[in-house]
Amino acid sequence: MSYIHGYDPETLREIVDPAECRDRLAEIGQQRSLPALLERVWLLKVLGDLDDALTLSEQAVRLARMSGTRKDLLRARILHASVQHWRGAYAAAEYELSTCADEAEGQGWNSIAAFALQHRGKTRYDAGDINGARADFKQTLFLRQEAGASDAELEPTMQCVEAADRKRHRSTIAS
């Protein structure tokens, strides 16, 4: 079940039903598996509980490092960086997402690279680097198209490109 009901066209953040997310958090409870930890981090993040999300994301990275695959570790690091982004630590998030994207691309893991680039684009967008954000969103779109993503799967990324274009256009008019 997807808890994402869309994306805010200005902030690019997920639109969720907080009650559904809280119910799912209660259902997961204190499970310690990596997938459960990652899901808890994401749920806490979208609910705005960023301190707990950060603590759990650090635990998830440690668990993935000790017992997961390299792909697991990249996913955990990307989620950790997305929490940093939401906390306003843009430089730290961008650096982590860049290293994750580079490693994933180097391994030929295009879906993970696209995931990292999408988050880096959102980080850059919030940090005011609209051109960098747009470039990341375009690269994400390319990688996902190459992987055979459906139009529905491409839609959120296309919305990000459009949001960056709108913001870039508004800043051009303002100057």
N, C-alpha and C. Protein backbone atom coordinates (compact mmCIF):
# COMPACT_ATOMS: atom_id res chain seq x y z
N MET A 1 0.84 -1.18 0.00
CA MET A 1 0.00 0.00 0.00
C MET A 1 0.89 1.25 0.00
N SER A 2 0.55 2.18 -0.86
CA SER A 2 1.30 3.43 -0.89
C SER A 2 0.63 4.44 0.03
N TYR A 3 1.45 5.08 0.83
CA TYR A 3 0.95 6.11 1.73
C TYR A 3 1.06 7.49 1.11
N ILE A 4 1.60 7.56 -0.09
CA ILE A 4 1.76 8.83 -0.79
C ILE A 4 0.52 9.07 -1.64
N HIS A 5 -0.14 10.19 -1.39
CA HIS A 5 -1.36 10.53 -2.12
C HIS A 5 -1.12 11.64 -3.14
N GLY A 6 0.12 11.94 -3.40
CA GLY A 6 0.48 12.98 -4.34
C GLY A 6 1.67 13.76 -3.81
N TYR A 7 2.00 14.83 -4.52
CA TYR A 7 3.15 15.66 -4.16
C TYR A 7 2.73 17.11 -4.20
N ASP A 8 3.17 17.87 -3.22
CA ASP A 8 2.89 19.30 -3.21
C ASP A 8 3.62 19.94 -4.38
N PRO A 9 2.91 20.69 -5.23
CA PRO A 9 3.56 21.24 -6.43
C PRO A 9 4.59 22.33 -6.15
N GLU A 10 4.59 22.91 -4.97
CA GLU A 10 5.56 23.95 -4.64
C GLU A 10 6.73 23.41 -3.82
N THR A 11 6.43 22.60 -2.80
CA THR A 11 7.50 22.10 -1.93
C THR A 11 8.08 20.78 -2.43
N LEU A 12 7.36 20.09 -3.30
CA LEU A 12 7.73 18.79 -3.86
C LEU A 12 7.69 17.66 -2.82
N ARG A 13 7.17 17.95 -1.65
CA ARG A 13 7.10 16.93 -0.60
C ARG A 13 5.87 16.06 -0.78
N GLU A 14 5.98 14.85 -0.24
CA GLU A 14 4.90 13.89 -0.33
C GLU A 14 3.67 14.39 0.43
N ILE A 15 2.51 14.15 -0.14
CA ILE A 15 1.25 14.41 0.55
C ILE A 15 0.80 13.06 1.11
N VAL A 16 0.63 13.01 2.42
CA VAL A 16 0.24 11.76 3.08
C VAL A 16 -0.94 12.03 4.01
N ASP A 17 -1.61 10.97 4.39
CA ASP A 17 -2.65 11.04 5.41
C ASP A 17 -1.96 10.72 6.73
N PRO A 18 -1.82 11.71 7.62
CA PRO A 18 -1.11 11.47 8.87
C PRO A 18 -1.68 10.31 9.69
N ALA A 19 -2.98 10.14 9.68
CA ALA A 19 -3.59 9.05 10.45
C ALA A 19 -3.15 7.69 9.90
N GLU A 20 -3.12 7.57 8.58
CA GLU A 20 -2.64 6.31 7.97
C GLU A 20 -1.19 6.04 8.35
N CYS A 21 -0.39 7.08 8.33
CA CYS A 21 1.03 6.93 8.67
C CYS A 21 1.21 6.54 10.14
N ARG A 22 0.46 7.18 11.02
CA ARG A 22 0.55 6.82 12.44
C ARG A 22 0.08 5.39 12.69
N ASP A 23 -0.99 4.98 11.99
CA ASP A 23 -1.48 3.61 12.13
C ASP A 23 -0.40 2.62 11.68
N ARG A 24 0.26 2.93 10.58
CA ARG A 24 1.31 2.03 10.08
C ARG A 24 2.49 1.99 11.04
N LEU A 25 2.84 3.14 11.62
CA LEU A 25 3.92 3.16 12.62
C LEU A 25 3.58 2.25 13.80
N ALA A 26 2.34 2.33 14.25
CA ALA A 26 1.91 1.47 15.37
C ALA A 26 1.96 0.01 14.97
N GLU A 27 1.60 -0.29 13.75
CA GLU A 27 1.61 -1.66 13.25
C GLU A 27 3.03 -2.22 13.20
N ILE A 28 3.97 -1.41 12.75
CA ILE A 28 5.37 -1.85 12.68
C ILE A 28 5.95 -2.04 14.08
N GLY A 29 5.55 -1.15 14.98
CA GLY A 29 6.03 -1.23 16.36
C GLY A 29 7.54 -1.07 16.42
N GLN A 30 8.16 -1.89 17.20
CA GLN A 30 9.61 -1.81 17.40
C GLN A 30 10.38 -2.86 16.61
N GLN A 31 9.82 -3.33 15.49
CA GLN A 31 10.54 -4.30 14.66
C GLN A 31 11.92 -3.76 14.32
N ARG A 32 12.91 -4.63 14.31
CA ARG A 32 14.29 -4.20 14.12
C ARG A 32 14.89 -4.60 12.78
N SER A 33 14.09 -5.20 11.90
CA SER A 33 14.63 -5.56 10.58
C SER A 33 14.95 -4.28 9.81
N LEU A 34 15.84 -4.38 8.86
CA LEU A 34 16.21 -3.20 8.06
C LEU A 34 15.00 -2.63 7.32
N PRO A 35 14.19 -3.45 6.63
CA PRO A 35 13.03 -2.87 5.95
C PRO A 35 12.08 -2.15 6.92
N ALA A 36 11.88 -2.72 8.10
CA ALA A 36 11.00 -2.07 9.09
C ALA A 36 11.61 -0.76 9.58
N LEU A 37 12.92 -0.75 9.83
CA LEU A 37 13.58 0.49 10.26
C LEU A 37 13.47 1.57 9.19
N LEU A 38 13.71 1.21 7.94
CA LEU A 38 13.64 2.18 6.85
C LEU A 38 12.22 2.74 6.71
N GLU A 39 11.24 1.86 6.84
CA GLU A 39 9.87 2.33 6.73
C GLU A 39 9.52 3.26 7.90
N ARG A 40 9.96 2.91 9.09
CA ARG A 40 9.72 3.77 10.26
C ARG A 40 10.37 5.13 10.07
N VAL A 41 11.60 5.15 9.54
CA VAL A 41 12.28 6.43 9.29
C VAL A 41 11.45 7.28 8.35
N TRP A 42 11.01 6.70 7.25
CA TRP A 42 10.24 7.46 6.27
C TRP A 42 8.94 7.98 6.88
N LEU A 43 8.24 7.13 7.61
CA LEU A 43 6.98 7.54 8.23
C LEU A 43 7.20 8.68 9.23
N LEU A 44 8.23 8.56 10.05
CA LEU A 44 8.55 9.63 11.01
C LEU A 44 8.89 10.92 10.28
N LYS A 45 9.62 10.80 9.18
CA LYS A 45 10.02 11.98 8.41
C LYS A 45 8.79 12.69 7.87
N VAL A 46 7.90 11.97 7.21
CA VAL A 46 6.74 12.64 6.60
C VAL A 46 5.75 13.14 7.64
N LEU A 47 5.83 12.58 8.86
CA LEU A 47 4.99 13.09 9.95
C LEU A 47 5.63 14.28 10.65
N GLY A 48 6.88 14.61 10.27
CA GLY A 48 7.55 15.77 10.84
C GLY A 48 8.30 15.51 12.13
N ASP A 49 8.45 14.25 12.52
CA ASP A 49 9.20 13.90 13.72
C ASP A 49 10.66 13.67 13.31
N LEU A 50 11.32 14.78 13.00
CA LEU A 50 12.64 14.69 12.36
C LEU A 50 13.75 14.26 13.31
N ASP A 51 13.63 14.55 14.61
CA ASP A 51 14.66 14.10 15.56
C ASP A 51 14.67 12.58 15.65
N ASP A 52 13.49 11.98 15.83
CA ASP A 52 13.42 10.52 15.89
C ASP A 52 13.79 9.89 14.55
N ALA A 53 13.37 10.54 13.46
CA ALA A 53 13.71 10.03 12.13
C ALA A 53 15.22 10.01 11.94
N LEU A 54 15.90 11.06 12.39
CA LEU A 54 17.36 11.12 12.25
C LEU A 54 18.03 10.01 13.06
N THR A 55 17.60 9.85 14.30
CA THR A 55 18.18 8.81 15.16
C THR A 55 17.98 7.42 14.55
N LEU A 56 16.77 7.14 14.10
CA LEU A 56 16.50 5.84 13.50
C LEU A 56 17.23 5.65 12.18
N SER A 57 17.37 6.74 11.40
CA SER A 57 18.07 6.61 10.12
C SER A 57 19.54 6.28 10.35
N GLU A 58 20.12 6.82 11.41
CA GLU A 58 21.51 6.49 11.74
C GLU A 58 21.62 5.02 12.14
N GLN A 59 20.64 4.51 12.88
CA GLN A 59 20.62 3.09 13.24
C GLN A 59 20.48 2.23 11.98
N ALA A 60 19.63 2.66 11.06
CA ALA A 60 19.42 1.90 9.83
C ALA A 60 20.71 1.84 9.01
N VAL A 61 21.44 2.94 8.94
CA VAL A 61 22.71 2.94 8.20
C VAL A 61 23.69 1.97 8.85
N ARG A 62 23.77 1.99 10.19
CA ARG A 62 24.67 1.06 10.89
C ARG A 62 24.27 -0.39 10.64
N LEU A 63 22.98 -0.67 10.72
CA LEU A 63 22.50 -2.04 10.49
C LEU A 63 22.79 -2.48 9.06
N ALA A 64 22.54 -1.62 8.10
CA ALA A 64 22.82 -1.96 6.70
C ALA A 64 24.31 -2.18 6.47
N ARG A 65 25.13 -1.38 7.13
CA ARG A 65 26.58 -1.52 7.00
C ARG A 65 27.05 -2.87 7.56
N MET A 66 26.44 -3.28 8.67
CA MET A 66 26.87 -4.52 9.33
C MET A 66 26.29 -5.78 8.69
N SER A 67 25.04 -5.71 8.24
CA SER A 67 24.40 -6.96 7.83
C SER A 67 23.69 -6.91 6.49
N GLY A 68 23.71 -5.77 5.82
CA GLY A 68 23.00 -5.66 4.55
C GLY A 68 23.92 -5.74 3.36
N THR A 69 23.33 -5.61 2.20
CA THR A 69 24.09 -5.58 0.95
C THR A 69 24.52 -4.14 0.68
N ARG A 70 25.34 -3.96 -0.34
CA ARG A 70 25.74 -2.60 -0.72
C ARG A 70 24.53 -1.78 -1.16
N LYS A 71 23.58 -2.43 -1.83
CA LYS A 71 22.36 -1.72 -2.23
C LYS A 71 21.56 -1.29 -1.00
N ASP A 72 21.47 -2.18 -0.02
CA ASP A 72 20.77 -1.83 1.23
C ASP A 72 21.41 -0.61 1.87
N LEU A 73 22.73 -0.60 1.91
CA LEU A 73 23.45 0.51 2.53
C LEU A 73 23.19 1.81 1.77
N LEU A 74 23.18 1.75 0.46
CA LEU A 74 22.91 2.97 -0.32
C LEU A 74 21.50 3.48 -0.03
N ARG A 75 20.53 2.58 0.00
CA ARG A 75 19.15 3.00 0.28
C ARG A 75 19.05 3.65 1.66
N ALA A 76 19.71 3.05 2.64
CA ALA A 76 19.68 3.60 4.01
C ALA A 76 20.35 4.96 4.05
N ARG A 77 21.47 5.11 3.35
CA ARG A 77 22.17 6.40 3.33
C ARG A 77 21.34 7.47 2.62
N ILE A 78 20.64 7.10 1.56
CA ILE A 78 19.80 8.05 0.84
C ILE A 78 18.67 8.53 1.75
N LEU A 79 18.06 7.61 2.47
CA LEU A 79 16.98 7.99 3.38
C LEU A 79 17.52 8.88 4.51
N HIS A 80 18.68 8.53 5.04
CA HIS A 80 19.31 9.36 6.07
C HIS A 80 19.55 10.77 5.54
N ALA A 81 20.06 10.87 4.32
CA ALA A 81 20.31 12.19 3.73
C ALA A 81 19.01 12.95 3.52
N SER A 82 17.93 12.24 3.19
CA SER A 82 16.66 12.94 3.00
C SER A 82 16.14 13.51 4.32
N VAL A 83 16.44 12.84 5.42
CA VAL A 83 16.07 13.38 6.73
C VAL A 83 16.92 14.62 7.02
N GLN A 84 18.22 14.53 6.71
CA GLN A 84 19.08 15.71 6.89
C GLN A 84 18.54 16.89 6.08
N HIS A 85 18.13 16.62 4.86
CA HIS A 85 17.56 17.66 4.00
C HIS A 85 16.37 18.32 4.68
N TRP A 86 15.43 17.52 5.16
CA TRP A 86 14.24 18.07 5.80
C TRP A 86 14.59 18.85 7.06
N ARG A 87 15.72 18.53 7.68
CA ARG A 87 16.16 19.25 8.87
C ARG A 87 16.90 20.54 8.49
N GLY A 88 17.11 20.77 7.20
CA GLY A 88 17.76 21.99 6.75
C GLY A 88 19.26 21.88 6.59
N ALA A 89 19.81 20.68 6.74
CA ALA A 89 21.25 20.46 6.58
C ALA A 89 21.53 20.14 5.10
N TYR A 90 21.33 21.16 4.26
CA TYR A 90 21.39 20.95 2.82
C TYR A 90 22.76 20.48 2.32
N ALA A 91 23.82 21.08 2.81
CA ALA A 91 25.16 20.72 2.33
C ALA A 91 25.49 19.27 2.67
N ALA A 92 25.18 18.86 3.89
CA ALA A 92 25.45 17.47 4.30
C ALA A 92 24.62 16.50 3.48
N ALA A 93 23.35 16.84 3.27
CA ALA A 93 22.47 15.97 2.50
C ALA A 93 22.94 15.88 1.05
N GLU A 94 23.29 17.02 0.47
CA GLU A 94 23.73 17.02 -0.93
C GLU A 94 25.01 16.19 -1.11
N TYR A 95 25.94 16.34 -0.18
CA TYR A 95 27.18 15.57 -0.27
C TYR A 95 26.89 14.06 -0.20
N GLU A 96 26.08 13.67 0.77
CA GLU A 96 25.78 12.24 0.93
C GLU A 96 25.04 11.70 -0.29
N LEU A 97 24.10 12.45 -0.79
CA LEU A 97 23.35 12.00 -1.97
C LEU A 97 24.23 11.94 -3.20
N SER A 98 25.18 12.86 -3.31
CA SER A 98 26.11 12.82 -4.45
C SER A 98 26.97 11.57 -4.42
N THR A 99 27.49 11.23 -3.24
CA THR A 99 28.33 10.03 -3.15
C THR A 99 27.51 8.78 -3.41
N CYS A 100 26.26 8.76 -2.96
CA CYS A 100 25.39 7.61 -3.20
C CYS A 100 25.07 7.48 -4.69
N ALA A 101 24.74 8.61 -5.34
CA ALA A 101 24.43 8.58 -6.77
C ALA A 101 25.64 8.12 -7.57
N ASP A 102 26.82 8.63 -7.22
CA ASP A 102 28.04 8.24 -7.94
C ASP A 102 28.32 6.75 -7.79
N GLU A 103 28.19 6.23 -6.57
CA GLU A 103 28.43 4.80 -6.35
C GLU A 103 27.42 3.95 -7.11
N ALA A 104 26.15 4.33 -7.04
CA ALA A 104 25.11 3.56 -7.72
C ALA A 104 25.32 3.57 -9.24
N GLU A 105 25.64 4.74 -9.77
CA GLU A 105 25.88 4.81 -11.22
C GLU A 105 27.10 3.99 -11.61
N GLY A 106 28.13 4.03 -10.78
CA GLY A 106 29.34 3.25 -11.04
C GLY A 106 29.08 1.75 -11.05
N GLN A 107 28.10 1.32 -10.27
CA GLN A 107 27.74 -0.09 -10.22
C GLN A 107 26.69 -0.48 -11.27
N GLY A 108 26.14 0.53 -11.96
CA GLY A 108 25.09 0.26 -12.93
C GLY A 108 23.72 0.06 -12.29
N TRP A 109 23.56 0.54 -11.07
CA TRP A 109 22.28 0.42 -10.35
C TRP A 109 21.47 1.69 -10.61
N ASN A 110 20.91 1.78 -11.80
CA ASN A 110 20.26 3.01 -12.23
C ASN A 110 19.05 3.40 -11.37
N SER A 111 18.31 2.42 -10.87
CA SER A 111 17.14 2.79 -10.06
C SER A 111 17.57 3.44 -8.75
N ILE A 112 18.66 2.96 -8.17
CA ILE A 112 19.16 3.56 -6.93
C ILE A 112 19.79 4.91 -7.22
N ALA A 113 20.50 5.01 -8.34
CA ALA A 113 21.08 6.30 -8.73
C ALA A 113 19.96 7.32 -8.95
N ALA A 114 18.88 6.92 -9.60
CA ALA A 114 17.76 7.82 -9.83
C ALA A 114 17.13 8.25 -8.50
N PHE A 115 17.02 7.33 -7.57
CA PHE A 115 16.47 7.63 -6.24
C PHE A 115 17.33 8.69 -5.54
N ALA A 116 18.64 8.51 -5.60
CA ALA A 116 19.56 9.47 -4.98
C ALA A 116 19.50 10.82 -5.68
N LEU A 117 19.46 10.81 -7.00
CA LEU A 117 19.42 12.07 -7.75
C LEU A 117 18.10 12.82 -7.54
N GLN A 118 17.01 12.08 -7.43
CA GLN A 118 15.72 12.72 -7.16
C GLN A 118 15.78 13.47 -5.82
N HIS A 119 16.33 12.79 -4.81
CA HIS A 119 16.44 13.43 -3.49
C HIS A 119 17.45 14.58 -3.51
N ARG A 120 18.55 14.41 -4.25
CA ARG A 120 19.51 15.51 -4.34
C ARG A 120 18.86 16.71 -5.03
N GLY A 121 18.06 16.45 -6.06
CA GLY A 121 17.35 17.52 -6.74
C GLY A 121 16.42 18.26 -5.79
N LYS A 122 15.71 17.52 -4.95
CA LYS A 122 14.81 18.16 -3.99
C LYS A 122 15.60 18.96 -2.95
N THR A 123 16.76 18.45 -2.57
CA THR A 123 17.61 19.18 -1.63
C THR A 123 18.09 20.48 -2.26
N ARG A 124 18.56 20.39 -3.49
CA ARG A 124 19.02 21.59 -4.19
C ARG A 124 17.87 22.58 -4.40
N TYR A 125 16.71 22.07 -4.71
CA TYR A 125 15.53 22.91 -4.90
C TYR A 125 15.25 23.73 -3.64
N ASP A 126 15.24 23.05 -2.49
CA ASP A 126 14.99 23.75 -1.24
C ASP A 126 16.12 24.70 -0.86
N ALA A 127 17.34 24.37 -1.28
CA ALA A 127 18.49 25.21 -0.97
C ALA A 127 18.61 26.41 -1.93
N GLY A 128 17.75 26.45 -2.95
CA GLY A 128 17.76 27.58 -3.88
C GLY A 128 18.59 27.38 -5.13
N ASP A 129 19.17 26.18 -5.31
CA ASP A 129 19.95 25.88 -6.51
C ASP A 129 19.00 25.26 -7.55
N ILE A 130 18.20 26.10 -8.17
CA ILE A 130 17.15 25.62 -9.07
C ILE A 130 17.74 24.97 -10.32
N ASN A 131 18.82 25.54 -10.87
CA ASN A 131 19.43 24.93 -12.05
C ASN A 131 20.00 23.55 -11.74
N GLY A 132 20.66 23.42 -10.58
CA GLY A 132 21.17 22.12 -10.16
C GLY A 132 20.05 21.12 -9.92
N ALA A 133 18.97 21.60 -9.30
CA ALA A 133 17.81 20.75 -9.05
C ALA A 133 17.22 20.25 -10.37
N ARG A 134 17.05 21.16 -11.31
CA ARG A 134 16.47 20.78 -12.60
C ARG A 134 17.34 19.76 -13.31
N ALA A 135 18.65 19.95 -13.26
CA ALA A 135 19.56 18.99 -13.90
C ALA A 135 19.43 17.61 -13.25
N ASP A 136 19.32 17.58 -11.92
CA ASP A 136 19.14 16.30 -11.23
C ASP A 136 17.82 15.64 -11.62
N PHE A 137 16.75 16.43 -11.69
CA PHE A 137 15.44 15.87 -12.04
C PHE A 137 15.46 15.33 -13.48
N LYS A 138 16.11 16.05 -14.38
CA LYS A 138 16.21 15.59 -15.77
C LYS A 138 17.01 14.29 -15.86
N GLN A 139 18.12 14.20 -15.10
CA GLN A 139 18.92 12.97 -15.09
C GLN A 139 18.11 11.82 -14.49
N THR A 140 17.34 12.10 -13.45
CA THR A 140 16.47 11.09 -12.85
C THR A 140 15.47 10.58 -13.88
N LEU A 141 14.87 11.49 -14.60
CA LEU A 141 13.90 11.14 -15.63
C LEU A 141 14.54 10.24 -16.68
N PHE A 142 15.73 10.61 -17.13
CA PHE A 142 16.46 9.81 -18.12
C PHE A 142 16.73 8.40 -17.59
N LEU A 143 17.25 8.30 -16.36
CA LEU A 143 17.56 6.99 -15.79
C LEU A 143 16.32 6.12 -15.65
N ARG A 144 15.23 6.73 -15.22
CA ARG A 144 13.99 5.97 -15.04
C ARG A 144 13.40 5.55 -16.38
N GLN A 145 13.50 6.42 -17.39
CA GLN A 145 13.03 6.04 -18.72
C GLN A 145 13.86 4.88 -19.27
N GLU A 146 15.18 4.95 -19.06
CA GLU A 146 16.07 3.88 -19.50
C GLU A 146 15.72 2.55 -18.84
N ALA A 147 15.24 2.63 -17.59
CA ALA A 147 14.89 1.42 -16.85
C ALA A 147 13.49 0.92 -17.21
N GLY A 148 12.80 1.65 -18.09
CA GLY A 148 11.48 1.21 -18.53
C GLY A 148 10.34 1.58 -17.59
N ALA A 149 10.50 2.65 -16.84
CA ALA A 149 9.45 3.07 -15.92
C ALA A 149 8.19 3.47 -16.70
N SER A 150 7.05 3.23 -16.08
CA SER A 150 5.77 3.59 -16.69
C SER A 150 5.57 5.10 -16.59
N ASP A 151 4.58 5.58 -17.34
CA ASP A 151 4.26 7.01 -17.27
C ASP A 151 3.87 7.42 -15.86
N ALA A 152 3.14 6.56 -15.16
CA ALA A 152 2.73 6.86 -13.78
C ALA A 152 3.94 6.96 -12.87
N GLU A 153 4.95 6.13 -13.10
CA GLU A 153 6.17 6.17 -12.30
C GLU A 153 7.02 7.39 -12.63
N LEU A 154 6.92 7.88 -13.85
CA LEU A 154 7.68 9.06 -14.27
C LEU A 154 7.02 10.37 -13.85
N GLU A 155 5.73 10.33 -13.59
CA GLU A 155 4.96 11.54 -13.30
C GLU A 155 5.53 12.38 -12.16
N PRO A 156 5.88 11.79 -10.99
CA PRO A 156 6.42 12.64 -9.91
C PRO A 156 7.70 13.38 -10.32
N THR A 157 8.55 12.73 -11.10
CA THR A 157 9.78 13.38 -11.54
C THR A 157 9.47 14.48 -12.54
N MET A 158 8.51 14.24 -13.42
CA MET A 158 8.12 15.28 -14.38
C MET A 158 7.53 16.49 -13.64
N GLN A 159 6.80 16.25 -12.55
CA GLN A 159 6.29 17.35 -11.75
C GLN A 159 7.42 18.14 -11.12
N CYS A 160 8.49 17.47 -10.74
CA CYS A 160 9.65 18.16 -10.17
C CYS A 160 10.32 19.04 -11.21
N VAL A 161 10.47 18.54 -12.42
CA VAL A 161 11.05 19.34 -13.51
C VAL A 161 10.20 20.58 -13.74
N GLU A 162 8.89 20.39 -13.80
CA GLU A 162 7.97 21.52 -14.02
C GLU A 162 8.06 22.53 -12.88
N ALA A 163 8.15 22.05 -11.64
CA ALA A 163 8.26 22.96 -10.49
C ALA A 163 9.55 23.77 -10.57
N ALA A 164 10.63 23.13 -10.96
CA ALA A 164 11.90 23.85 -11.10
C ALA A 164 11.81 24.87 -12.22
N ASP A 165 11.15 24.50 -13.32
CA ASP A 165 10.97 25.45 -14.42
C ASP A 165 10.14 26.66 -13.98
N ARG A 166 9.07 26.42 -13.23
CA ARG A 166 8.23 27.52 -12.73
C ARG A 166 9.04 28.44 -11.82
N LYS A 167 9.80 27.84 -10.92
CA LYS A 167 10.58 28.64 -9.97
C LYS A 167 11.66 29.43 -10.72
N ARG A 168 12.29 28.81 -11.70
CA ARG A 168 13.31 29.48 -12.49
C ARG A 168 12.70 30.64 -13.28
N HIS A 169 11.52 30.40 -13.83
CA HIS A 169 10.83 31.43 -14.59
C HIS A 169 10.46 32.61 -13.69
N ARG A 170 9.96 32.32 -12.48
CA ARG A 170 9.59 33.40 -11.54
C ARG A 170 10.81 34.20 -11.13
N SER A 171 11.95 33.54 -10.94
CA SER A 171 13.15 34.28 -10.53
C SER A 171 13.69 35.13 -11.68
N THR A 172 13.49 34.68 -12.92
CA THR A 172 13.91 35.46 -14.08
C THR A 172 13.06 36.72 -14.20
N ILE A 173 11.76 36.57 -13.97
CA ILE A 173 10.86 37.72 -14.05
C ILE A 173 11.16 38.72 -12.93
N ALA A 174 11.48 38.21 -11.75
CA ALA A 174 11.73 39.07 -10.59
C ALA A 174 13.03 39.87 -10.73
N SER A 175 13.97 39.38 -11.54
CA SER A 175 15.25 40.09 -11.64
C SER A 175 15.33 41.01 -12.80
